[in-house]
Amino acid sequence: MWVFIAVRDTQRIAALRALAPGIIGRPTAVVILCLDHQRRGDKAEGRQANTPYYDIGTALQNMLLAACEMGLGGCAVGSFHPQGLAAFLSLPETVEPCLLVALGRPKVTPRAPRKRPLEEMYFRDRYEAPHAIG
């Protein structure tokens, strides 16, 4: 179901940047997360049809966490030309590129953003409108 392709050659990464304007800086590697629809096998419909995309998101999160643990910076990239990327990677028609992950050594480590208060997003038993933010 999943297919991961790592591009590490600097010339290929430079060419890849032309197909994926979301890649900023000069990453050391780019991993393309793909879905192989032929291997999927199931014919799920409705909400279940999206499950493989949730799996791709989970794989992305695990990659970013592992990269952070290794002292690398990582950034998910969703802006790319799907047909151009498929041709660049020689993907068969059944394999869909879904996301890219640019990886490299960060020049600076950004500060963590302010987290939303728990009471704005966690509710017990039923939803309650959050208190006025301001």
N, C-alpha and C. Protein backbone atom coordinates (compact mmCIF):
# COMPACT_ATOMS: atom_id res chain seq x y z
N MET A 1 0.82 -1.17 0.00
CA MET A 1 0.00 0.00 0.00
C MET A 1 0.87 1.25 0.00
N TRP A 2 1.81 1.38 0.92
CA TRP A 2 2.72 2.52 0.93
C TRP A 2 3.89 2.28 0.01
N VAL A 3 4.40 3.35 -0.56
CA VAL A 3 5.66 3.33 -1.29
C VAL A 3 6.39 4.60 -0.89
N PHE A 4 7.65 4.47 -0.47
CA PHE A 4 8.46 5.62 -0.10
C PHE A 4 9.66 5.67 -1.03
N ILE A 5 9.92 6.83 -1.59
CA ILE A 5 11.06 7.01 -2.49
C ILE A 5 11.92 8.13 -1.94
N ALA A 6 13.18 7.83 -1.63
CA ALA A 6 14.11 8.83 -1.11
C ALA A 6 14.97 9.34 -2.26
N VAL A 7 14.99 10.65 -2.42
CA VAL A 7 15.85 11.30 -3.42
C VAL A 7 16.95 11.99 -2.64
N ARG A 8 18.21 11.57 -2.89
CA ARG A 8 19.34 12.12 -2.14
C ARG A 8 20.37 12.79 -3.03
N ASP A 9 20.34 12.52 -4.31
CA ASP A 9 21.28 13.12 -5.24
C ASP A 9 20.98 14.63 -5.36
N THR A 10 21.98 15.47 -5.16
CA THR A 10 21.76 16.92 -5.15
C THR A 10 21.21 17.44 -6.47
N GLN A 11 21.64 16.88 -7.59
CA GLN A 11 21.12 17.33 -8.88
C GLN A 11 19.66 16.94 -9.05
N ARG A 12 19.31 15.75 -8.60
CA ARG A 12 17.91 15.33 -8.69
C ARG A 12 17.03 16.13 -7.73
N ILE A 13 17.56 16.47 -6.57
CA ILE A 13 16.80 17.32 -5.64
C ILE A 13 16.57 18.68 -6.27
N ALA A 14 17.58 19.24 -6.92
CA ALA A 14 17.43 20.54 -7.60
C ALA A 14 16.35 20.45 -8.68
N ALA A 15 16.34 19.38 -9.44
CA ALA A 15 15.31 19.19 -10.47
C ALA A 15 13.94 18.99 -9.83
N LEU A 16 13.91 18.29 -8.73
CA LEU A 16 12.66 18.04 -8.01
C LEU A 16 12.04 19.34 -7.52
N ARG A 17 12.87 20.29 -7.14
CA ARG A 17 12.38 21.58 -6.65
C ARG A 17 11.57 22.31 -7.72
N ALA A 18 11.88 22.06 -8.99
CA ALA A 18 11.11 22.69 -10.07
C ALA A 18 9.68 22.13 -10.12
N LEU A 19 9.49 20.92 -9.64
CA LEU A 19 8.17 20.28 -9.63
C LEU A 19 7.42 20.50 -8.32
N ALA A 20 8.15 20.92 -7.30
CA ALA A 20 7.56 21.07 -5.97
C ALA A 20 7.98 22.42 -5.38
N PRO A 21 7.23 23.47 -5.69
CA PRO A 21 7.60 24.79 -5.21
C PRO A 21 7.56 24.92 -3.68
N GLY A 22 6.95 23.97 -3.01
CA GLY A 22 6.90 24.00 -1.55
C GLY A 22 8.22 23.64 -0.90
N ILE A 23 9.16 23.09 -1.65
CA ILE A 23 10.46 22.75 -1.09
C ILE A 23 11.26 24.03 -0.98
N ILE A 24 11.60 24.40 0.24
CA ILE A 24 12.39 25.61 0.44
C ILE A 24 13.78 25.22 0.94
N GLY A 25 14.72 26.12 0.77
CA GLY A 25 16.09 25.83 1.20
C GLY A 25 16.72 24.77 0.32
N ARG A 26 17.72 24.15 0.87
CA ARG A 26 18.44 23.09 0.15
C ARG A 26 18.47 21.83 1.00
N PRO A 27 17.40 21.03 0.93
CA PRO A 27 17.35 19.83 1.76
C PRO A 27 18.41 18.81 1.34
N THR A 28 18.81 18.01 2.29
CA THR A 28 19.77 16.92 2.05
C THR A 28 19.09 15.75 1.35
N ALA A 29 17.82 15.58 1.65
CA ALA A 29 17.05 14.49 1.05
C ALA A 29 15.58 14.89 0.98
N VAL A 30 14.89 14.28 0.05
CA VAL A 30 13.44 14.44 -0.04
C VAL A 30 12.85 13.05 -0.15
N VAL A 31 11.89 12.76 0.71
CA VAL A 31 11.20 11.47 0.67
C VAL A 31 9.80 11.72 0.11
N ILE A 32 9.46 10.95 -0.89
CA ILE A 32 8.12 11.05 -1.49
C ILE A 32 7.28 9.90 -0.94
N LEU A 33 6.16 10.24 -0.33
CA LEU A 33 5.25 9.24 0.23
C LEU A 33 4.16 8.99 -0.81
N CYS A 34 4.05 7.76 -1.24
CA CYS A 34 3.11 7.40 -2.30
C CYS A 34 2.15 6.32 -1.83
N LEU A 35 1.05 6.23 -2.53
CA LEU A 35 0.07 5.19 -2.31
C LEU A 35 0.00 4.31 -3.54
N ASP A 36 0.15 3.01 -3.37
CA ASP A 36 0.04 2.07 -4.48
C ASP A 36 -1.39 1.53 -4.48
N HIS A 37 -2.22 2.07 -5.36
CA HIS A 37 -3.64 1.69 -5.39
C HIS A 37 -3.84 0.24 -5.82
N GLN A 38 -2.93 -0.30 -6.59
CA GLN A 38 -3.05 -1.71 -7.01
C GLN A 38 -2.84 -2.64 -5.83
N ARG A 39 -1.91 -2.32 -4.96
CA ARG A 39 -1.64 -3.16 -3.80
C ARG A 39 -2.69 -3.00 -2.71
N ARG A 40 -3.42 -1.89 -2.75
CA ARG A 40 -4.43 -1.61 -1.74
C ARG A 40 -5.44 -2.74 -1.67
N GLY A 41 -5.89 -3.17 -2.81
CA GLY A 41 -6.76 -4.33 -2.87
C GLY A 41 -8.20 -4.11 -2.47
N ASP A 42 -8.45 -3.29 -1.45
CA ASP A 42 -9.84 -3.14 -1.02
C ASP A 42 -10.58 -2.14 -1.90
N LYS A 43 -11.85 -2.25 -1.91
CA LYS A 43 -12.70 -1.34 -2.69
C LYS A 43 -13.57 -0.54 -1.73
N ALA A 44 -12.96 -0.01 -0.69
CA ALA A 44 -13.71 0.73 0.32
C ALA A 44 -14.36 1.97 -0.29
N GLU A 45 -15.51 2.31 0.27
CA GLU A 45 -16.23 3.49 -0.19
C GLU A 45 -16.48 4.41 0.98
N GLY A 46 -16.90 5.62 0.66
CA GLY A 46 -17.23 6.59 1.70
C GLY A 46 -16.01 6.97 2.51
N ARG A 47 -16.22 7.11 3.81
CA ARG A 47 -15.12 7.54 4.69
C ARG A 47 -13.98 6.53 4.71
N GLN A 48 -14.29 5.24 4.57
CA GLN A 48 -13.25 4.22 4.60
C GLN A 48 -12.29 4.36 3.42
N ALA A 49 -12.75 4.96 2.33
CA ALA A 49 -11.89 5.14 1.16
C ALA A 49 -10.73 6.08 1.47
N ASN A 50 -10.88 6.91 2.50
CA ASN A 50 -9.82 7.85 2.87
C ASN A 50 -8.78 7.25 3.81
N THR A 51 -9.03 6.08 4.36
CA THR A 51 -8.14 5.49 5.35
C THR A 51 -6.69 5.41 4.87
N PRO A 52 -6.40 5.01 3.64
CA PRO A 52 -5.00 4.97 3.21
C PRO A 52 -4.31 6.34 3.28
N TYR A 53 -5.08 7.40 3.08
CA TYR A 53 -4.50 8.74 3.17
C TYR A 53 -4.19 9.09 4.63
N TYR A 54 -5.03 8.62 5.55
CA TYR A 54 -4.73 8.81 6.97
C TYR A 54 -3.44 8.06 7.32
N ASP A 55 -3.28 6.86 6.74
CA ASP A 55 -2.06 6.09 6.98
C ASP A 55 -0.83 6.83 6.49
N ILE A 56 -0.96 7.50 5.35
CA ILE A 56 0.16 8.30 4.82
C ILE A 56 0.49 9.42 5.81
N GLY A 57 -0.54 10.05 6.37
CA GLY A 57 -0.32 11.11 7.36
C GLY A 57 0.38 10.58 8.60
N THR A 58 0.00 9.38 9.02
CA THR A 58 0.65 8.75 10.17
C THR A 58 2.11 8.46 9.87
N ALA A 59 2.38 7.95 8.68
CA ALA A 59 3.78 7.69 8.28
C ALA A 59 4.58 8.99 8.25
N LEU A 60 3.96 10.05 7.75
CA LEU A 60 4.61 11.36 7.72
C LEU A 60 4.98 11.80 9.13
N GLN A 61 4.03 11.71 10.05
CA GLN A 61 4.31 12.12 11.42
C GLN A 61 5.47 11.32 12.01
N ASN A 62 5.47 10.01 11.79
CA ASN A 62 6.55 9.18 12.31
C ASN A 62 7.89 9.55 11.70
N MET A 63 7.91 9.87 10.41
CA MET A 63 9.16 10.29 9.76
C MET A 63 9.68 11.59 10.36
N LEU A 64 8.76 12.55 10.57
CA LEU A 64 9.18 13.84 11.14
C LEU A 64 9.66 13.69 12.57
N LEU A 65 9.01 12.84 13.36
CA LEU A 65 9.47 12.60 14.73
C LEU A 65 10.83 11.91 14.75
N ALA A 66 11.03 10.94 13.87
CA ALA A 66 12.33 10.25 13.79
C ALA A 66 13.42 11.21 13.34
N ALA A 67 13.11 12.06 12.37
CA ALA A 67 14.09 13.05 11.90
C ALA A 67 14.48 13.99 13.03
N CYS A 68 13.52 14.46 13.79
CA CYS A 68 13.78 15.36 14.92
C CYS A 68 14.68 14.66 15.94
N GLU A 69 14.39 13.42 16.22
CA GLU A 69 15.18 12.64 17.18
C GLU A 69 16.64 12.51 16.71
N MET A 70 16.85 12.50 15.40
CA MET A 70 18.20 12.38 14.84
C MET A 70 18.86 13.75 14.63
N GLY A 71 18.20 14.81 15.08
CA GLY A 71 18.78 16.14 14.95
C GLY A 71 18.56 16.77 13.58
N LEU A 72 17.63 16.22 12.81
CA LEU A 72 17.33 16.75 11.48
C LEU A 72 16.09 17.62 11.53
N GLY A 73 16.00 18.52 10.57
CA GLY A 73 14.78 19.28 10.39
C GLY A 73 13.99 18.63 9.28
N GLY A 74 12.71 18.74 9.34
CA GLY A 74 11.86 18.16 8.30
C GLY A 74 10.65 19.04 8.06
N CYS A 75 10.17 19.00 6.83
CA CYS A 75 9.02 19.81 6.47
C CYS A 75 8.16 19.04 5.47
N ALA A 76 6.89 18.91 5.79
CA ALA A 76 5.96 18.28 4.85
C ALA A 76 5.69 19.24 3.71
N VAL A 77 5.62 18.71 2.50
CA VAL A 77 5.39 19.52 1.31
C VAL A 77 4.19 18.93 0.57
N GLY A 78 3.16 19.75 0.42
CA GLY A 78 1.97 19.31 -0.29
C GLY A 78 1.81 19.98 -1.64
N SER A 79 2.62 21.00 -1.92
CA SER A 79 2.50 21.69 -3.21
C SER A 79 3.52 21.11 -4.19
N PHE A 80 2.99 20.33 -5.11
CA PHE A 80 3.83 19.73 -6.15
C PHE A 80 2.95 19.41 -7.35
N HIS A 81 3.59 19.20 -8.49
CA HIS A 81 2.88 18.85 -9.72
C HIS A 81 2.82 17.32 -9.79
N PRO A 82 1.65 16.72 -9.52
CA PRO A 82 1.56 15.26 -9.42
C PRO A 82 2.00 14.51 -10.68
N GLN A 83 1.54 14.96 -11.85
CA GLN A 83 1.91 14.25 -13.09
C GLN A 83 3.40 14.40 -13.38
N GLY A 84 3.93 15.60 -13.18
CA GLY A 84 5.36 15.82 -13.40
C GLY A 84 6.20 15.00 -12.44
N LEU A 85 5.77 14.94 -11.18
CA LEU A 85 6.49 14.15 -10.18
C LEU A 85 6.44 12.67 -10.51
N ALA A 86 5.28 12.20 -10.94
CA ALA A 86 5.15 10.78 -11.32
C ALA A 86 6.09 10.44 -12.47
N ALA A 87 6.18 11.32 -13.46
CA ALA A 87 7.10 11.08 -14.58
C ALA A 87 8.55 11.13 -14.11
N PHE A 88 8.88 12.09 -13.26
CA PHE A 88 10.24 12.26 -12.74
C PHE A 88 10.71 11.02 -11.99
N LEU A 89 9.77 10.38 -11.27
CA LEU A 89 10.10 9.21 -10.46
C LEU A 89 9.83 7.89 -11.18
N SER A 90 9.34 7.95 -12.42
CA SER A 90 9.00 6.75 -13.20
C SER A 90 7.94 5.90 -12.49
N LEU A 91 6.94 6.57 -11.92
CA LEU A 91 5.90 5.84 -11.20
C LEU A 91 4.91 5.22 -12.18
N PRO A 92 4.48 4.00 -11.90
CA PRO A 92 3.39 3.43 -12.72
C PRO A 92 2.09 4.16 -12.41
N GLU A 93 1.10 3.99 -13.25
CA GLU A 93 -0.18 4.69 -13.08
C GLU A 93 -0.88 4.38 -11.76
N THR A 94 -0.60 3.21 -11.21
CA THR A 94 -1.28 2.80 -9.98
C THR A 94 -0.66 3.43 -8.72
N VAL A 95 0.48 4.10 -8.86
CA VAL A 95 1.16 4.68 -7.71
C VAL A 95 0.97 6.20 -7.72
N GLU A 96 0.36 6.71 -6.66
CA GLU A 96 0.03 8.13 -6.55
C GLU A 96 0.96 8.83 -5.55
N PRO A 97 1.69 9.85 -5.97
CA PRO A 97 2.47 10.62 -4.99
C PRO A 97 1.51 11.45 -4.14
N CYS A 98 1.63 11.36 -2.82
CA CYS A 98 0.69 12.04 -1.92
C CYS A 98 1.32 13.21 -1.18
N LEU A 99 2.52 13.03 -0.68
CA LEU A 99 3.20 14.05 0.10
C LEU A 99 4.70 13.92 -0.10
N LEU A 100 5.40 15.00 0.15
CA LEU A 100 6.85 14.99 0.14
C LEU A 100 7.33 15.43 1.52
N VAL A 101 8.49 14.97 1.90
CA VAL A 101 9.12 15.40 3.14
C VAL A 101 10.53 15.84 2.81
N ALA A 102 10.81 17.13 3.02
CA ALA A 102 12.16 17.65 2.83
C ALA A 102 12.90 17.50 4.15
N LEU A 103 14.10 16.94 4.10
CA LEU A 103 14.88 16.68 5.31
C LEU A 103 16.27 17.30 5.18
N GLY A 104 16.79 17.77 6.29
CA GLY A 104 18.15 18.31 6.29
C GLY A 104 18.52 18.83 7.66
N ARG A 105 19.72 19.38 7.75
CA ARG A 105 20.20 19.96 9.00
C ARG A 105 19.69 21.40 9.07
N PRO A 106 18.95 21.73 10.11
CA PRO A 106 18.43 23.09 10.22
C PRO A 106 19.53 24.08 10.58
N LYS A 107 19.44 25.30 10.02
CA LYS A 107 20.39 26.35 10.38
C LYS A 107 20.11 26.85 11.79
N VAL A 108 18.84 26.93 12.12
CA VAL A 108 18.42 27.33 13.47
C VAL A 108 17.30 26.40 13.90
N THR A 109 17.17 26.26 15.20
CA THR A 109 16.06 25.47 15.72
C THR A 109 14.98 26.46 16.15
N PRO A 110 13.83 26.42 15.49
CA PRO A 110 12.77 27.37 15.84
C PRO A 110 12.20 27.10 17.21
N ARG A 111 11.70 28.15 17.83
CA ARG A 111 11.01 27.98 19.10
C ARG A 111 9.67 27.32 18.84
N ALA A 112 9.25 26.54 19.79
CA ALA A 112 7.95 25.88 19.67
C ALA A 112 6.85 26.94 19.71
N PRO A 113 5.83 26.78 18.87
CA PRO A 113 4.73 27.75 18.89
C PRO A 113 3.93 27.62 20.19
N ARG A 114 3.23 28.66 20.53
CA ARG A 114 2.37 28.63 21.70
C ARG A 114 1.28 27.58 21.47
N LYS A 115 1.07 26.76 22.44
CA LYS A 115 0.05 25.71 22.31
C LYS A 115 -1.31 26.26 22.73
N ARG A 116 -2.33 25.76 22.05
CA ARG A 116 -3.69 26.12 22.43
C ARG A 116 -4.01 25.54 23.80
N PRO A 117 -4.74 26.29 24.61
CA PRO A 117 -5.14 25.73 25.91
C PRO A 117 -6.01 24.49 25.72
N LEU A 118 -5.84 23.54 26.58
CA LEU A 118 -6.56 22.26 26.48
C LEU A 118 -8.07 22.48 26.45
N GLU A 119 -8.57 23.44 27.22
CA GLU A 119 -10.02 23.65 27.28
C GLU A 119 -10.61 24.17 25.98
N GLU A 120 -9.78 24.59 25.05
CA GLU A 120 -10.28 25.01 23.73
C GLU A 120 -10.53 23.84 22.79
N MET A 121 -9.96 22.67 23.12
CA MET A 121 -10.06 21.56 22.17
C MET A 121 -10.48 20.24 22.78
N TYR A 122 -10.54 20.14 24.09
CA TYR A 122 -10.92 18.88 24.73
C TYR A 122 -12.20 19.09 25.54
N PHE A 123 -13.18 18.22 25.31
CA PHE A 123 -14.46 18.33 26.00
C PHE A 123 -14.85 16.95 26.52
N ARG A 124 -15.56 16.93 27.61
CA ARG A 124 -16.06 15.67 28.16
C ARG A 124 -17.55 15.57 27.90
N ASP A 125 -17.94 14.44 27.41
CA ASP A 125 -19.34 14.07 27.20
C ASP A 125 -20.02 14.79 26.03
N ARG A 126 -19.75 16.06 25.82
CA ARG A 126 -20.36 16.78 24.70
C ARG A 126 -19.54 18.03 24.41
N TYR A 127 -19.71 18.55 23.21
CA TYR A 127 -19.04 19.77 22.79
C TYR A 127 -19.63 20.97 23.52
N GLU A 128 -18.77 21.86 23.94
CA GLU A 128 -19.18 23.12 24.52
C GLU A 128 -18.42 24.23 23.81
N ALA A 129 -19.09 25.30 23.49
CA ALA A 129 -18.42 26.42 22.82
C ALA A 129 -17.29 26.91 23.71
N PRO A 130 -16.10 27.08 23.14
CA PRO A 130 -14.97 27.58 23.95
C PRO A 130 -15.28 29.00 24.45
N HIS A 131 -14.65 29.32 25.55
CA HIS A 131 -14.79 30.67 26.10
C HIS A 131 -14.25 31.67 25.09
N ALA A 132 -14.70 32.90 25.18
CA ALA A 132 -14.24 33.94 24.25
C ALA A 132 -12.72 34.05 24.33
N ILE A 133 -12.11 34.07 23.16
CA ILE A 133 -10.67 34.18 23.07
C ILE A 133 -10.33 35.66 22.89
N GLY A 134 -9.44 36.16 23.67
CA GLY A 134 -9.15 37.53 23.42
C GLY A 134 -8.31 38.16 24.41
